[in-house]
Amino acid sequence: MRIEVDLERCTGHGRCYDLQPEIFEPFDDDGRAQLLDSVDAADPKMHDGMVVAERACPEQALVWRGRPDYLQRDETRGSNNSESAGDLK
């Protein structure tokens, strides 16, 4: 399990390296991010920081590879789902 920066999605908000400077750094003049060379993306010690950065990314440019389905980002989080609201009667 590792995390990668999708440079096509990343628009350079910089939240990942502002929040986790021990894991991410700016990649180019546009502010797009990359993992620091010293970071082993598969290192479980770095997992929590990667999750924090992933959840803070407005472009969802931090992508997990080899992550089990049950740990994938909850895409419905924060959405207003009228179907589930109707179920609460």
N, C-alpha and C. Protein backbone atom coordinates (compact mmCIF):
# COMPACT_ATOMS: atom_id res chain seq x y z
N MET A 1 0.84 -1.17 0.00
CA MET A 1 0.00 0.00 0.00
C MET A 1 0.90 1.24 0.00
N ARG A 2 0.65 2.13 -0.95
CA ARG A 2 1.45 3.35 -1.05
C ARG A 2 0.58 4.47 -1.59
N ILE A 3 1.05 5.69 -1.45
CA ILE A 3 0.32 6.85 -1.95
C ILE A 3 1.15 7.52 -3.04
N GLU A 4 0.45 8.02 -4.04
CA GLU A 4 1.11 8.73 -5.14
C GLU A 4 0.39 10.04 -5.38
N VAL A 5 1.10 11.01 -5.95
CA VAL A 5 0.49 12.27 -6.35
C VAL A 5 0.15 12.17 -7.83
N ASP A 6 -1.12 12.35 -8.14
CA ASP A 6 -1.56 12.39 -9.54
C ASP A 6 -1.33 13.81 -10.03
N LEU A 7 -0.25 14.01 -10.79
CA LEU A 7 0.13 15.35 -11.22
C LEU A 7 -0.84 15.97 -12.21
N GLU A 8 -1.69 15.15 -12.81
CA GLU A 8 -2.72 15.70 -13.69
C GLU A 8 -3.87 16.31 -12.90
N ARG A 9 -4.11 15.79 -11.71
CA ARG A 9 -5.17 16.33 -10.83
C ARG A 9 -4.65 17.45 -9.94
N CYS A 10 -3.41 17.36 -9.52
CA CYS A 10 -2.85 18.32 -8.58
C CYS A 10 -2.77 19.70 -9.22
N THR A 11 -3.34 20.69 -8.53
CA THR A 11 -3.32 22.06 -9.05
C THR A 11 -2.48 23.00 -8.18
N GLY A 12 -1.80 22.44 -7.19
CA GLY A 12 -0.85 23.23 -6.42
C GLY A 12 -1.40 23.98 -5.23
N HIS A 13 -2.47 23.50 -4.62
CA HIS A 13 -2.97 24.14 -3.41
C HIS A 13 -1.93 24.10 -2.28
N GLY A 14 -1.15 23.03 -2.25
CA GLY A 14 -0.07 22.91 -1.27
C GLY A 14 -0.49 22.45 0.11
N ARG A 15 -1.70 22.01 0.26
CA ARG A 15 -2.16 21.57 1.58
C ARG A 15 -1.38 20.37 2.08
N CYS A 16 -1.02 19.47 1.17
CA CYS A 16 -0.31 18.26 1.60
C CYS A 16 1.04 18.62 2.21
N TYR A 17 1.82 19.47 1.56
CA TYR A 17 3.13 19.79 2.13
C TYR A 17 3.06 20.83 3.23
N ASP A 18 1.97 21.62 3.30
CA ASP A 18 1.80 22.51 4.46
C ASP A 18 1.48 21.69 5.71
N LEU A 19 0.63 20.66 5.54
CA LEU A 19 0.23 19.82 6.67
C LEU A 19 1.25 18.75 7.03
N GLN A 20 1.95 18.22 6.01
CA GLN A 20 2.86 17.09 6.22
C GLN A 20 4.20 17.36 5.52
N PRO A 21 4.97 18.35 5.99
CA PRO A 21 6.23 18.68 5.32
C PRO A 21 7.29 17.59 5.43
N GLU A 22 7.08 16.63 6.32
CA GLU A 22 8.03 15.52 6.44
C GLU A 22 7.75 14.43 5.39
N ILE A 23 6.65 14.60 4.64
CA ILE A 23 6.26 13.61 3.64
C ILE A 23 6.25 14.20 2.23
N PHE A 24 5.74 15.41 2.08
CA PHE A 24 5.55 16.03 0.76
C PHE A 24 6.37 17.31 0.62
N GLU A 25 6.64 17.68 -0.63
CA GLU A 25 7.32 18.92 -0.95
C GLU A 25 6.79 19.44 -2.28
N PRO A 26 6.98 20.73 -2.56
CA PRO A 26 6.58 21.24 -3.87
C PRO A 26 7.40 20.58 -4.97
N PHE A 27 6.74 20.32 -6.10
CA PHE A 27 7.37 19.64 -7.23
C PHE A 27 7.82 20.62 -8.30
N ASP A 28 7.03 21.67 -8.51
CA ASP A 28 7.34 22.60 -9.60
C ASP A 28 6.91 24.01 -9.21
N ASP A 29 7.08 24.95 -10.12
CA ASP A 29 6.74 26.35 -9.85
C ASP A 29 5.24 26.58 -9.69
N ASP A 30 4.43 25.62 -10.13
CA ASP A 30 2.98 25.72 -9.97
C ASP A 30 2.52 25.25 -8.60
N GLY A 31 3.44 24.73 -7.79
CA GLY A 31 3.10 24.28 -6.45
C GLY A 31 2.63 22.85 -6.35
N ARG A 32 2.64 22.15 -7.48
CA ARG A 32 2.24 20.74 -7.42
C ARG A 32 3.19 19.99 -6.50
N ALA A 33 2.71 18.90 -5.93
CA ALA A 33 3.44 18.19 -4.88
C ALA A 33 4.10 16.91 -5.36
N GLN A 34 5.05 16.46 -4.56
CA GLN A 34 5.65 15.15 -4.73
C GLN A 34 6.06 14.65 -3.36
N LEU A 35 6.26 13.34 -3.28
CA LEU A 35 6.79 12.75 -2.05
C LEU A 35 8.26 13.12 -1.93
N LEU A 36 8.70 13.39 -0.72
CA LEU A 36 10.13 13.60 -0.50
C LEU A 36 10.89 12.35 -0.87
N ASP A 37 12.09 12.50 -1.39
CA ASP A 37 12.90 11.34 -1.78
C ASP A 37 13.16 10.41 -0.61
N SER A 38 13.24 10.96 0.60
CA SER A 38 13.56 10.16 1.77
C SER A 38 12.39 9.35 2.30
N VAL A 39 11.20 9.57 1.76
CA VAL A 39 9.99 8.90 2.26
C VAL A 39 9.78 7.58 1.54
N ASP A 40 9.61 6.54 2.34
CA ASP A 40 9.19 5.25 1.80
C ASP A 40 7.67 5.24 1.84
N ALA A 41 7.03 5.37 0.69
CA ALA A 41 5.58 5.49 0.62
C ALA A 41 4.85 4.29 1.20
N ALA A 42 5.53 3.18 1.35
CA ALA A 42 4.92 1.98 1.92
C ALA A 42 5.16 1.86 3.42
N ASP A 43 5.87 2.82 4.01
CA ASP A 43 6.20 2.78 5.44
C ASP A 43 4.96 3.02 6.29
N PRO A 44 4.55 2.04 7.10
CA PRO A 44 3.35 2.22 7.91
C PRO A 44 3.46 3.37 8.91
N LYS A 45 4.67 3.77 9.28
CA LYS A 45 4.84 4.89 10.20
C LYS A 45 4.38 6.20 9.58
N MET A 46 4.38 6.27 8.27
CA MET A 46 3.97 7.48 7.56
C MET A 46 2.48 7.48 7.20
N HIS A 47 1.82 6.37 7.44
CA HIS A 47 0.44 6.20 7.01
C HIS A 47 -0.49 7.31 7.51
N ASP A 48 -0.47 7.62 8.80
CA ASP A 48 -1.39 8.62 9.35
C ASP A 48 -1.22 9.98 8.68
N GLY A 49 0.02 10.39 8.48
CA GLY A 49 0.28 11.66 7.81
C GLY A 49 -0.20 11.68 6.38
N MET A 50 -0.07 10.55 5.71
CA MET A 50 -0.55 10.46 4.33
C MET A 50 -2.06 10.55 4.27
N VAL A 51 -2.73 9.93 5.24
CA VAL A 51 -4.19 9.99 5.29
C VAL A 51 -4.65 11.43 5.54
N VAL A 52 -3.99 12.13 6.45
CA VAL A 52 -4.32 13.53 6.73
C VAL A 52 -4.19 14.37 5.45
N ALA A 53 -3.10 14.19 4.75
CA ALA A 53 -2.88 14.94 3.50
C ALA A 53 -3.91 14.56 2.44
N GLU A 54 -4.18 13.28 2.32
CA GLU A 54 -5.16 12.82 1.32
C GLU A 54 -6.51 13.46 1.55
N ARG A 55 -6.95 13.48 2.77
CA ARG A 55 -8.27 14.02 3.10
C ARG A 55 -8.32 15.54 2.95
N ALA A 56 -7.19 16.21 3.03
CA ALA A 56 -7.14 17.67 2.91
C ALA A 56 -7.05 18.13 1.46
N CYS A 57 -6.76 17.23 0.56
CA CYS A 57 -6.55 17.61 -0.84
C CYS A 57 -7.89 17.90 -1.54
N PRO A 58 -8.12 19.16 -1.95
CA PRO A 58 -9.39 19.48 -2.58
C PRO A 58 -9.55 18.87 -3.98
N GLU A 59 -8.45 18.51 -4.60
CA GLU A 59 -8.50 17.93 -5.94
C GLU A 59 -8.46 16.40 -5.94
N GLN A 60 -8.37 15.81 -4.76
CA GLN A 60 -8.24 14.37 -4.60
C GLN A 60 -7.10 13.83 -5.47
N ALA A 61 -5.98 14.56 -5.42
CA ALA A 61 -4.82 14.21 -6.24
C ALA A 61 -3.89 13.20 -5.56
N LEU A 62 -4.13 12.90 -4.30
CA LEU A 62 -3.34 11.88 -3.61
C LEU A 62 -4.09 10.56 -3.72
N VAL A 63 -3.46 9.61 -4.41
CA VAL A 63 -4.13 8.37 -4.78
C VAL A 63 -3.41 7.18 -4.15
N TRP A 64 -4.18 6.34 -3.50
CA TRP A 64 -3.63 5.12 -2.90
C TRP A 64 -3.52 4.04 -3.96
N ARG A 65 -2.43 3.33 -3.93
CA ARG A 65 -2.21 2.17 -4.80
C ARG A 65 -2.07 0.96 -3.89
N GLY A 66 -2.84 -0.06 -4.19
CA GLY A 66 -2.76 -1.28 -3.39
C GLY A 66 -3.47 -1.16 -2.05
N ARG A 67 -4.38 -0.20 -1.92
CA ARG A 67 -5.12 -0.01 -0.68
C ARG A 67 -6.40 -0.84 -0.73
N PRO A 68 -6.69 -1.59 0.33
CA PRO A 68 -7.91 -2.40 0.34
C PRO A 68 -9.15 -1.52 0.16
N ASP A 69 -10.18 -2.05 -0.49
CA ASP A 69 -11.40 -1.30 -0.76
C ASP A 69 -12.02 -0.70 0.49
N TYR A 70 -11.99 -1.42 1.61
CA TYR A 70 -12.65 -0.93 2.81
C TYR A 70 -11.95 0.30 3.40
N LEU A 71 -10.73 0.59 2.94
CA LEU A 71 -10.03 1.78 3.41
C LEU A 71 -10.08 2.94 2.42
N GLN A 72 -10.75 2.77 1.29
CA GLN A 72 -10.82 3.82 0.30
C GLN A 72 -11.57 5.02 0.86
N ARG A 73 -11.26 6.20 0.34
CA ARG A 73 -11.91 7.44 0.75
C ARG A 73 -13.42 7.31 0.58
N ASP A 74 -14.17 7.76 1.58
CA ASP A 74 -15.61 7.74 1.52
C ASP A 74 -16.07 8.92 0.66
N GLU A 75 -16.42 8.63 -0.59
CA GLU A 75 -16.80 9.67 -1.54
C GLU A 75 -18.11 10.34 -1.18
N THR A 76 -18.93 9.73 -0.32
CA THR A 76 -20.21 10.33 0.05
C THR A 76 -20.10 11.21 1.27
N ARG A 77 -18.95 11.25 1.91
CA ARG A 77 -18.76 12.05 3.11
C ARG A 77 -19.09 13.50 2.82
N GLY A 78 -19.95 14.06 3.63
CA GLY A 78 -20.28 15.46 3.50
C GLY A 78 -21.32 15.77 2.43
N SER A 79 -21.78 14.77 1.72
CA SER A 79 -22.78 15.04 0.68
C SER A 79 -24.17 15.07 1.31
N ASN A 80 -25.07 15.74 0.64
CA ASN A 80 -26.45 15.80 1.09
C ASN A 80 -27.24 14.76 0.32
N ASN A 81 -27.41 13.61 0.89
CA ASN A 81 -28.09 12.52 0.23
C ASN A 81 -29.54 12.48 0.69
N SER A 82 -30.46 12.94 -0.15
CA SER A 82 -31.88 13.03 0.24
C SER A 82 -32.48 11.66 0.49
N GLU A 83 -31.97 10.63 -0.18
CA GLU A 83 -32.51 9.29 0.01
C GLU A 83 -32.29 8.84 1.45
N SER A 84 -31.09 9.02 1.96
CA SER A 84 -30.82 8.59 3.34
C SER A 84 -31.52 9.49 4.33
N ALA A 85 -31.73 10.79 4.01
CA ALA A 85 -32.45 11.69 4.91
C ALA A 85 -33.90 11.24 5.03
N GLY A 86 -34.48 10.76 3.93
CA GLY A 86 -35.86 10.28 3.95
C GLY A 86 -36.00 9.01 4.77
N ASP A 87 -34.93 8.26 4.90
CA ASP A 87 -34.98 7.02 5.66
C ASP A 87 -35.02 7.26 7.17
N LEU A 88 -34.80 8.50 7.59
CA LEU A 88 -34.70 8.80 9.03
C LEU A 88 -36.06 9.17 9.64
N LYS A 89 -37.14 8.99 8.93
CA LYS A 89 -38.48 9.36 9.44
C LYS A 89 -38.82 8.64 10.71
